[in-house]
Amino acid sequence: MADEDEFRDWYAQGGGPYLLVLSGMAVLAGILAVSLVQPWGRVFPRWVPLVSGRKVPRRTLFHTAFTVSAFLVLYTAWAAWQLAHEFNDDGIFSPWIVVYGIPQFLVWAIGLFLAAWSYRARTV
């Protein structure tokens, strides 16, 4: 939760692109996780132009998932470090972000890594 007025100022001073990248990472991690466990993670669906019915490049998929997972771990470590060293009471985010925000990225990173590892083992 954030203070509405302080959030507007933070957003106007560059917080918008940060939130866009953060949301994009979450969407990419979600799509990757689902593609690693669904049939369309092995063969492109028919609605995908130019590659419909072709095999999904196995290495590309799991390398991308491992890379995004590693990036999420790095982001989690960076965010935790930022909160530990620079947190103050007049910041825009609630102190509860440590409890509900940071762990979510760690769960995504671990889950994506495990899904990629499983996909790699199943598609040998």
N, C-alpha and C. Protein backbone atom coordinates (compact mmCIF):
# COMPACT_ATOMS: atom_id res chain seq x y z
N MET A 1 0.84 -1.17 0.00
CA MET A 1 0.00 0.00 0.00
C MET A 1 0.89 1.24 0.00
N ALA A 2 0.47 2.26 -0.69
CA ALA A 2 1.28 3.47 -0.80
C ALA A 2 0.41 4.70 -0.54
N ASP A 3 1.05 5.75 -0.05
CA ASP A 3 0.38 7.03 0.13
C ASP A 3 0.07 7.59 -1.25
N GLU A 4 -1.18 7.96 -1.48
CA GLU A 4 -1.63 8.35 -2.82
C GLU A 4 -0.88 9.57 -3.37
N ASP A 5 -0.71 10.61 -2.57
CA ASP A 5 -0.04 11.81 -3.04
C ASP A 5 1.45 11.57 -3.30
N GLU A 6 2.10 10.88 -2.37
CA GLU A 6 3.52 10.59 -2.55
C GLU A 6 3.74 9.65 -3.73
N PHE A 7 2.79 8.74 -3.95
CA PHE A 7 2.91 7.82 -5.07
C PHE A 7 2.85 8.58 -6.40
N ARG A 8 1.96 9.55 -6.51
CA ARG A 8 1.87 10.34 -7.75
C ARG A 8 3.20 11.03 -8.05
N ASP A 9 3.81 11.62 -7.02
CA ASP A 9 5.10 12.30 -7.22
C ASP A 9 6.18 11.29 -7.63
N TRP A 10 6.23 10.16 -6.94
CA TRP A 10 7.21 9.12 -7.24
C TRP A 10 7.01 8.60 -8.66
N TYR A 11 5.76 8.38 -9.04
CA TYR A 11 5.44 7.88 -10.37
C TYR A 11 5.87 8.89 -11.43
N ALA A 12 5.61 10.16 -11.20
CA ALA A 12 5.97 11.21 -12.15
C ALA A 12 7.48 11.38 -12.27
N GLN A 13 8.22 11.02 -11.24
CA GLN A 13 9.68 11.18 -11.25
C GLN A 13 10.41 9.93 -11.72
N GLY A 14 9.71 9.03 -12.40
CA GLY A 14 10.38 7.86 -12.95
C GLY A 14 9.88 6.53 -12.44
N GLY A 15 8.93 6.55 -11.56
CA GLY A 15 8.40 5.30 -11.04
C GLY A 15 7.57 4.53 -12.06
N GLY A 16 7.02 5.23 -13.04
CA GLY A 16 6.20 4.58 -14.07
C GLY A 16 6.94 3.52 -14.86
N PRO A 17 8.09 3.86 -15.45
CA PRO A 17 8.85 2.84 -16.18
C PRO A 17 9.28 1.68 -15.28
N TYR A 18 9.63 1.98 -14.04
CA TYR A 18 10.01 0.92 -13.09
C TYR A 18 8.85 -0.05 -12.91
N LEU A 19 7.65 0.47 -12.69
CA LEU A 19 6.50 -0.41 -12.52
C LEU A 19 6.15 -1.16 -13.80
N LEU A 20 6.36 -0.54 -14.95
CA LEU A 20 6.12 -1.19 -16.23
C LEU A 20 7.06 -2.39 -16.41
N VAL A 21 8.34 -2.19 -16.12
CA VAL A 21 9.32 -3.28 -16.23
C VAL A 21 9.00 -4.38 -15.22
N LEU A 22 8.66 -4.00 -14.01
CA LEU A 22 8.33 -4.96 -12.97
C LEU A 22 7.11 -5.79 -13.35
N SER A 23 6.10 -5.15 -13.88
CA SER A 23 4.89 -5.86 -14.33
C SER A 23 5.22 -6.75 -15.52
N GLY A 24 6.03 -6.26 -16.43
CA GLY A 24 6.43 -7.07 -17.58
C GLY A 24 7.18 -8.32 -17.15
N MET A 25 8.06 -8.18 -16.14
CA MET A 25 8.77 -9.35 -15.63
C MET A 25 7.80 -10.37 -15.06
N ALA A 26 6.81 -9.90 -14.34
CA ALA A 26 5.83 -10.82 -13.75
C ALA A 26 5.03 -11.54 -14.84
N VAL A 27 4.63 -10.82 -15.87
CA VAL A 27 3.88 -11.42 -16.97
C VAL A 27 4.75 -12.43 -17.72
N LEU A 28 6.00 -12.05 -18.01
CA LEU A 28 6.91 -12.96 -18.71
C LEU A 28 7.16 -14.22 -17.89
N ALA A 29 7.39 -14.06 -16.60
CA ALA A 29 7.60 -15.23 -15.74
C ALA A 29 6.36 -16.13 -15.72
N GLY A 30 5.19 -15.53 -15.70
CA GLY A 30 3.95 -16.31 -15.72
C GLY A 30 3.76 -17.07 -17.02
N ILE A 31 3.99 -16.41 -18.14
CA ILE A 31 3.86 -17.07 -19.44
C ILE A 31 4.89 -18.19 -19.58
N LEU A 32 6.10 -17.92 -19.15
CA LEU A 32 7.14 -18.95 -19.21
C LEU A 32 6.78 -20.15 -18.34
N ALA A 33 6.31 -19.89 -17.12
CA ALA A 33 5.96 -20.99 -16.22
C ALA A 33 4.85 -21.86 -16.81
N VAL A 34 3.84 -21.22 -17.38
CA VAL A 34 2.74 -21.98 -17.98
C VAL A 34 3.21 -22.73 -19.22
N SER A 35 4.05 -22.10 -20.03
CA SER A 35 4.52 -22.77 -21.25
C SER A 35 5.40 -23.98 -20.94
N LEU A 36 6.01 -23.99 -19.78
CA LEU A 36 6.86 -25.12 -19.40
C LEU A 36 6.06 -26.35 -18.96
N VAL A 37 4.78 -26.15 -18.67
CA VAL A 37 3.96 -27.28 -18.19
C VAL A 37 2.77 -27.60 -19.10
N GLN A 38 2.55 -26.80 -20.13
CA GLN A 38 1.44 -27.01 -21.05
C GLN A 38 1.95 -27.60 -22.38
N PRO A 39 1.08 -28.28 -23.13
CA PRO A 39 1.51 -28.83 -24.43
C PRO A 39 2.04 -27.77 -25.40
N TRP A 40 1.53 -26.54 -25.34
CA TRP A 40 2.01 -25.53 -26.27
C TRP A 40 3.42 -25.06 -25.92
N GLY A 41 4.00 -25.62 -24.87
CA GLY A 41 5.41 -25.36 -24.58
C GLY A 41 6.32 -26.27 -25.38
N ARG A 42 5.72 -27.27 -26.04
CA ARG A 42 6.51 -28.20 -26.88
C ARG A 42 6.27 -27.97 -28.36
N VAL A 43 5.03 -27.62 -28.72
CA VAL A 43 4.66 -27.37 -30.12
C VAL A 43 3.87 -26.06 -30.16
N PHE A 44 4.26 -25.16 -31.06
CA PHE A 44 3.55 -23.89 -31.18
C PHE A 44 2.08 -24.14 -31.54
N PRO A 45 1.13 -23.45 -30.90
CA PRO A 45 -0.28 -23.61 -31.25
C PRO A 45 -0.55 -23.12 -32.67
N ARG A 46 -1.68 -23.53 -33.22
CA ARG A 46 -1.98 -23.17 -34.61
C ARG A 46 -2.26 -21.69 -34.81
N TRP A 47 -2.59 -20.97 -33.74
CA TRP A 47 -2.88 -19.55 -33.88
C TRP A 47 -1.62 -18.68 -33.91
N VAL A 48 -0.44 -19.27 -33.75
CA VAL A 48 0.81 -18.49 -33.79
C VAL A 48 1.28 -18.42 -35.24
N PRO A 49 1.31 -17.22 -35.82
CA PRO A 49 1.69 -17.10 -37.22
C PRO A 49 3.13 -17.54 -37.49
N LEU A 50 3.36 -18.09 -38.65
CA LEU A 50 4.65 -18.49 -39.18
C LEU A 50 5.27 -19.75 -38.55
N VAL A 51 4.95 -20.05 -37.32
CA VAL A 51 5.58 -21.21 -36.67
C VAL A 51 4.56 -22.24 -36.19
N SER A 52 3.32 -22.08 -36.58
CA SER A 52 2.25 -22.97 -36.17
C SER A 52 2.59 -24.43 -36.43
N GLY A 53 2.47 -25.27 -35.40
CA GLY A 53 2.72 -26.70 -35.53
C GLY A 53 4.18 -27.11 -35.42
N ARG A 54 5.08 -26.16 -35.43
CA ARG A 54 6.50 -26.49 -35.31
C ARG A 54 6.87 -26.70 -33.83
N LYS A 55 7.93 -27.45 -33.62
CA LYS A 55 8.41 -27.65 -32.26
C LYS A 55 8.98 -26.34 -31.71
N VAL A 56 8.72 -26.11 -30.44
CA VAL A 56 9.30 -24.96 -29.76
C VAL A 56 10.78 -25.29 -29.50
N PRO A 57 11.69 -24.37 -29.82
CA PRO A 57 13.10 -24.65 -29.56
C PRO A 57 13.33 -24.89 -28.06
N ARG A 58 13.62 -26.14 -27.74
CA ARG A 58 13.73 -26.59 -26.35
C ARG A 58 14.73 -25.74 -25.55
N ARG A 59 15.92 -25.59 -26.08
CA ARG A 59 16.95 -24.84 -25.36
C ARG A 59 16.58 -23.38 -25.17
N THR A 60 15.98 -22.80 -26.18
CA THR A 60 15.57 -21.40 -26.07
C THR A 60 14.60 -21.21 -24.92
N LEU A 61 13.63 -22.12 -24.82
CA LEU A 61 12.61 -21.99 -23.79
C LEU A 61 13.21 -22.15 -22.39
N PHE A 62 13.98 -23.22 -22.16
CA PHE A 62 14.45 -23.39 -20.79
C PHE A 62 15.60 -22.43 -20.44
N HIS A 63 16.40 -22.02 -21.43
CA HIS A 63 17.43 -21.02 -21.13
C HIS A 63 16.78 -19.68 -20.77
N THR A 64 15.73 -19.33 -21.48
CA THR A 64 15.00 -18.09 -21.17
C THR A 64 14.41 -18.18 -19.77
N ALA A 65 13.81 -19.31 -19.44
CA ALA A 65 13.22 -19.47 -18.11
C ALA A 65 14.29 -19.41 -17.02
N PHE A 66 15.43 -20.06 -17.23
CA PHE A 66 16.51 -20.00 -16.24
C PHE A 66 17.03 -18.56 -16.09
N THR A 67 17.14 -17.84 -17.21
CA THR A 67 17.62 -16.47 -17.17
C THR A 67 16.65 -15.55 -16.43
N VAL A 68 15.36 -15.68 -16.73
CA VAL A 68 14.37 -14.86 -16.03
C VAL A 68 14.35 -15.22 -14.54
N SER A 69 14.47 -16.50 -14.23
CA SER A 69 14.52 -16.92 -12.84
C SER A 69 15.72 -16.29 -12.12
N ALA A 70 16.87 -16.33 -12.75
CA ALA A 70 18.06 -15.72 -12.15
C ALA A 70 17.88 -14.21 -11.98
N PHE A 71 17.26 -13.56 -12.97
CA PHE A 71 17.01 -12.13 -12.87
C PHE A 71 16.06 -11.82 -11.71
N LEU A 72 15.06 -12.66 -11.52
CA LEU A 72 14.13 -12.46 -10.41
C LEU A 72 14.84 -12.63 -9.06
N VAL A 73 15.76 -13.58 -8.98
CA VAL A 73 16.54 -13.75 -7.74
C VAL A 73 17.39 -12.50 -7.50
N LEU A 74 18.05 -12.00 -8.55
CA LEU A 74 18.87 -10.79 -8.41
C LEU A 74 18.01 -9.59 -8.01
N TYR A 75 16.84 -9.47 -8.62
CA TYR A 75 15.95 -8.37 -8.26
C TYR A 75 15.51 -8.48 -6.81
N THR A 76 15.19 -9.69 -6.39
CA THR A 76 14.76 -9.91 -5.00
C THR A 76 15.88 -9.52 -4.03
N ALA A 77 17.09 -9.94 -4.34
CA ALA A 77 18.23 -9.59 -3.49
C ALA A 77 18.45 -8.08 -3.46
N TRP A 78 18.37 -7.45 -4.64
CA TRP A 78 18.54 -6.00 -4.71
C TRP A 78 17.45 -5.28 -3.91
N ALA A 79 16.19 -5.70 -4.07
CA ALA A 79 15.08 -5.06 -3.36
C ALA A 79 15.23 -5.24 -1.85
N ALA A 80 15.62 -6.44 -1.42
CA ALA A 80 15.81 -6.68 0.01
C ALA A 80 16.95 -5.81 0.55
N TRP A 81 18.03 -5.68 -0.22
CA TRP A 81 19.15 -4.84 0.20
C TRP A 81 18.72 -3.38 0.29
N GLN A 82 17.97 -2.93 -0.71
CA GLN A 82 17.46 -1.55 -0.70
C GLN A 82 16.62 -1.30 0.54
N LEU A 83 15.72 -2.23 0.83
CA LEU A 83 14.85 -2.05 1.99
C LEU A 83 15.65 -2.06 3.29
N ALA A 84 16.64 -2.93 3.37
CA ALA A 84 17.43 -3.03 4.60
C ALA A 84 18.29 -1.79 4.83
N HIS A 85 18.81 -1.19 3.77
CA HIS A 85 19.74 -0.07 3.92
C HIS A 85 19.13 1.31 3.74
N GLU A 86 18.02 1.38 3.05
CA GLU A 86 17.50 2.71 2.73
C GLU A 86 16.05 2.91 3.14
N PHE A 87 15.49 1.99 3.89
CA PHE A 87 14.08 2.13 4.25
C PHE A 87 13.92 3.22 5.29
N ASN A 88 12.92 4.05 5.09
CA ASN A 88 12.58 5.05 6.11
C ASN A 88 11.06 5.17 6.20
N ASP A 89 10.61 5.74 7.27
CA ASP A 89 9.16 5.81 7.51
C ASP A 89 8.42 6.73 6.57
N ASP A 90 9.11 7.65 5.93
CA ASP A 90 8.42 8.58 5.03
C ASP A 90 8.49 8.13 3.56
N GLY A 91 8.82 6.88 3.32
CA GLY A 91 8.81 6.33 1.96
C GLY A 91 7.38 6.12 1.47
N ILE A 92 7.24 5.84 0.18
CA ILE A 92 5.89 5.71 -0.37
C ILE A 92 5.28 4.34 -0.11
N PHE A 93 6.11 3.32 0.12
CA PHE A 93 5.58 1.98 0.30
C PHE A 93 5.50 1.61 1.77
N SER A 94 4.55 0.77 2.07
CA SER A 94 4.34 0.29 3.43
C SER A 94 5.50 -0.62 3.86
N PRO A 95 5.83 -0.60 5.13
CA PRO A 95 6.85 -1.54 5.62
C PRO A 95 6.46 -3.00 5.42
N TRP A 96 5.19 -3.26 5.22
CA TRP A 96 4.71 -4.63 5.01
C TRP A 96 5.18 -5.20 3.68
N ILE A 97 5.76 -4.38 2.83
CA ILE A 97 6.27 -4.87 1.54
C ILE A 97 7.30 -5.97 1.77
N VAL A 98 8.00 -5.91 2.90
CA VAL A 98 9.00 -6.93 3.22
C VAL A 98 8.32 -8.28 3.41
N VAL A 99 7.10 -8.28 3.95
CA VAL A 99 6.39 -9.52 4.24
C VAL A 99 5.67 -10.06 3.01
N TYR A 100 5.03 -9.19 2.24
CA TYR A 100 4.22 -9.70 1.13
C TYR A 100 4.79 -9.40 -0.26
N GLY A 101 5.67 -8.47 -0.40
CA GLY A 101 6.18 -8.12 -1.73
C GLY A 101 7.43 -8.87 -2.13
N ILE A 102 8.44 -8.78 -1.31
CA ILE A 102 9.72 -9.41 -1.62
C ILE A 102 9.60 -10.93 -1.76
N PRO A 103 8.94 -11.62 -0.82
CA PRO A 103 8.84 -13.08 -0.95
C PRO A 103 8.13 -13.55 -2.22
N GLN A 104 7.22 -12.75 -2.74
CA GLN A 104 6.52 -13.15 -3.96
C GLN A 104 7.49 -13.34 -5.12
N PHE A 105 8.46 -12.46 -5.23
CA PHE A 105 9.44 -12.60 -6.30
C PHE A 105 10.32 -13.82 -6.10
N LEU A 106 10.64 -14.11 -4.86
CA LEU A 106 11.45 -15.29 -4.57
C LEU A 106 10.68 -16.56 -4.92
N VAL A 107 9.40 -16.59 -4.59
CA VAL A 107 8.55 -17.75 -4.94
C VAL A 107 8.48 -17.92 -6.45
N TRP A 108 8.29 -16.80 -7.18
CA TRP A 108 8.25 -16.87 -8.65
C TRP A 108 9.56 -17.39 -9.20
N ALA A 109 10.67 -16.89 -8.67
CA ALA A 109 11.98 -17.31 -9.16
C ALA A 109 12.21 -18.80 -8.94
N ILE A 110 11.91 -19.27 -7.76
CA ILE A 110 12.10 -20.69 -7.45
C ILE A 110 11.15 -21.56 -8.27
N GLY A 111 9.89 -21.15 -8.34
CA GLY A 111 8.91 -21.90 -9.13
C GLY A 111 9.27 -21.97 -10.59
N LEU A 112 9.71 -20.87 -11.14
CA LEU A 112 10.11 -20.84 -12.56
C LEU A 112 11.34 -21.71 -12.79
N PHE A 113 12.30 -21.65 -11.88
CA PHE A 113 13.49 -22.49 -11.98
C PHE A 113 13.10 -23.97 -11.96
N LEU A 114 12.24 -24.36 -11.02
CA LEU A 114 11.82 -25.76 -10.93
C LEU A 114 11.04 -26.21 -12.16
N ALA A 115 10.17 -25.35 -12.68
CA ALA A 115 9.42 -25.68 -13.89
C ALA A 115 10.37 -25.85 -15.08
N ALA A 116 11.38 -24.98 -15.18
CA ALA A 116 12.36 -25.08 -16.27
C ALA A 116 13.18 -26.35 -16.12
N TRP A 117 13.58 -26.67 -14.90
CA TRP A 117 14.36 -27.90 -14.66
C TRP A 117 13.54 -29.12 -15.04
N SER A 118 12.26 -29.15 -14.66
CA SER A 118 11.38 -30.25 -14.98
C SER A 118 11.19 -30.37 -16.50
N TYR A 119 10.95 -29.24 -17.16
CA TYR A 119 10.79 -29.22 -18.61
C TYR A 119 12.03 -29.78 -19.31
N ARG A 120 13.18 -29.35 -18.84
CA ARG A 120 14.44 -29.80 -19.41
C ARG A 120 14.58 -31.33 -19.27
N ALA A 121 14.23 -31.85 -18.10
CA ALA A 121 14.33 -33.29 -17.86
C ALA A 121 13.31 -34.08 -18.69
N ARG A 122 12.11 -33.51 -18.88
CA ARG A 122 11.06 -34.21 -19.62
C ARG A 122 11.26 -34.18 -21.13
N THR A 123 12.01 -33.22 -21.62
CA THR A 123 12.12 -33.05 -23.08
C THR A 123 13.46 -33.48 -23.64
N VAL A 124 14.20 -34.25 -22.90
CA VAL A 124 15.53 -34.71 -23.36
C VAL A 124 15.37 -35.60 -24.57
